[in-house]
Amino acid sequence: MKYTLAVFNSRFATINFANLLKSQHIPCAIINTPPGTTHACGISVKFLSDFLPLARQILSATNLRNFDGFFSFVEVNGRTKLVKI
């Protein structure tokens, strides 16, 4: 399974985005943001990558600020790395 992270610079925006995803029946979890992202607030929303198009629609339909980007886990030379998508 492939996962995507939605990274925000504000805990308030992170929690709100998770609640918006859950209201649309998208399973997600709030996790500690792994190293490799820029200026994150420390927590991120993790969800299955299959839901990325819908997550983008939800984000664009709201005025959540402090969005830093979507990140995907990619394996490079046997190591897992976060890449902004």
Protein backbone atom coordinates (compact mmCIF):
# COMPACT_ATOMS: atom_id res chain seq x y z
CA MET A 1 0.00 0.00 0.00
CA LYS A 2 1.18 3.49 -0.82
CA TYR A 3 0.56 6.35 1.53
CA THR A 4 0.52 10.12 1.12
CA LEU A 5 1.13 12.75 3.78
CA ALA A 6 -0.57 16.11 3.86
CA VAL A 7 1.80 18.48 5.63
CA PHE A 8 0.76 21.78 7.15
CA ASN A 9 2.64 24.45 9.09
CA SER A 10 -0.14 24.64 11.67
CA ARG A 11 -1.54 21.98 13.99
CA PHE A 12 -4.99 23.57 13.70
CA ALA A 13 -4.99 23.18 9.90
CA THR A 14 -3.68 19.61 10.16
CA ILE A 15 -6.46 18.55 12.51
CA ASN A 16 -9.11 20.34 10.45
CA PHE A 17 -7.93 18.64 7.27
CA ALA A 18 -8.04 15.22 8.95
CA ASN A 19 -11.60 15.93 10.09
CA LEU A 20 -12.58 16.98 6.55
CA LEU A 21 -11.17 13.74 5.13
CA LYS A 22 -13.00 11.68 7.75
CA SER A 23 -16.25 13.51 6.99
CA GLN A 24 -15.90 12.25 3.40
CA HIS A 25 -15.24 8.68 4.66
CA ILE A 26 -11.55 8.79 3.77
CA PRO A 27 -9.60 6.76 6.34
CA CYS A 28 -6.70 8.77 7.68
CA ALA A 29 -4.49 9.20 10.72
CA ILE A 30 -2.61 12.05 12.32
CA ILE A 31 1.02 11.04 12.71
CA ASN A 32 4.29 12.66 13.70
CA THR A 33 5.81 14.24 10.62
CA PRO A 34 8.89 12.26 9.55
CA PRO A 35 12.15 14.12 8.91
CA GLY A 36 12.53 15.38 5.36
CA THR A 37 9.71 17.90 5.12
CA THR A 38 10.06 21.66 5.30
CA HIS A 39 8.91 23.77 8.23
CA ALA A 40 6.17 21.39 9.31
CA CYS A 41 4.28 21.80 12.58
CA GLY A 42 5.29 18.32 13.75
CA ILE A 43 2.15 16.39 12.80
CA SER A 44 0.76 15.37 9.41
CA VAL A 45 -2.25 13.59 7.96
CA LYS A 46 -1.50 10.15 6.51
CA PHE A 47 -3.92 8.54 4.04
CA LEU A 48 -3.89 6.00 1.23
CA SER A 49 -2.53 7.45 -2.01
CA ASP A 50 -5.63 6.20 -3.83
CA PHE A 51 -7.51 9.08 -2.17
CA LEU A 52 -5.07 11.81 -3.31
CA PRO A 53 -7.33 13.24 -6.06
CA LEU A 54 -10.23 13.55 -3.62
CA ALA A 55 -7.95 15.01 -0.93
CA ARG A 56 -6.80 17.67 -3.42
CA GLN A 57 -10.42 18.53 -4.21
CA ILE A 58 -11.24 18.85 -0.52
CA LEU A 59 -8.20 21.06 0.06
CA SER A 60 -9.02 23.35 -2.86
CA ALA A 61 -12.65 23.66 -1.73
CA THR A 62 -11.58 24.97 1.69
CA ASN A 63 -9.56 27.95 2.74
CA LEU A 64 -7.14 26.03 4.94
CA ARG A 65 -3.93 27.95 5.15
CA ASN A 66 -0.41 26.92 6.01
CA PHE A 67 -0.43 23.98 3.58
CA ASP A 68 3.13 22.85 2.89
CA GLY A 69 2.35 20.11 0.38
CA PHE A 70 1.61 16.47 -0.26
CA PHE A 71 4.46 14.02 0.24
CA SER A 72 4.85 10.41 -0.83
CA PHE A 73 7.06 7.67 0.57
CA VAL A 74 9.56 6.47 -2.06
CA GLU A 75 12.21 3.80 -1.74
CA VAL A 76 15.64 4.94 -2.97
CA ASN A 77 18.65 2.63 -2.73
CA GLY A 78 16.91 0.49 -0.15
CA ARG A 79 15.94 3.45 2.03
CA THR A 80 12.54 5.08 2.43
CA LYS A 81 12.49 8.76 1.59
CA LEU A 82 9.77 11.43 1.54
CA VAL A 83 9.31 13.18 -1.78
CA LYS A 84 7.08 16.19 -2.38
CA ILE A 85 4.47 15.53 -5.06
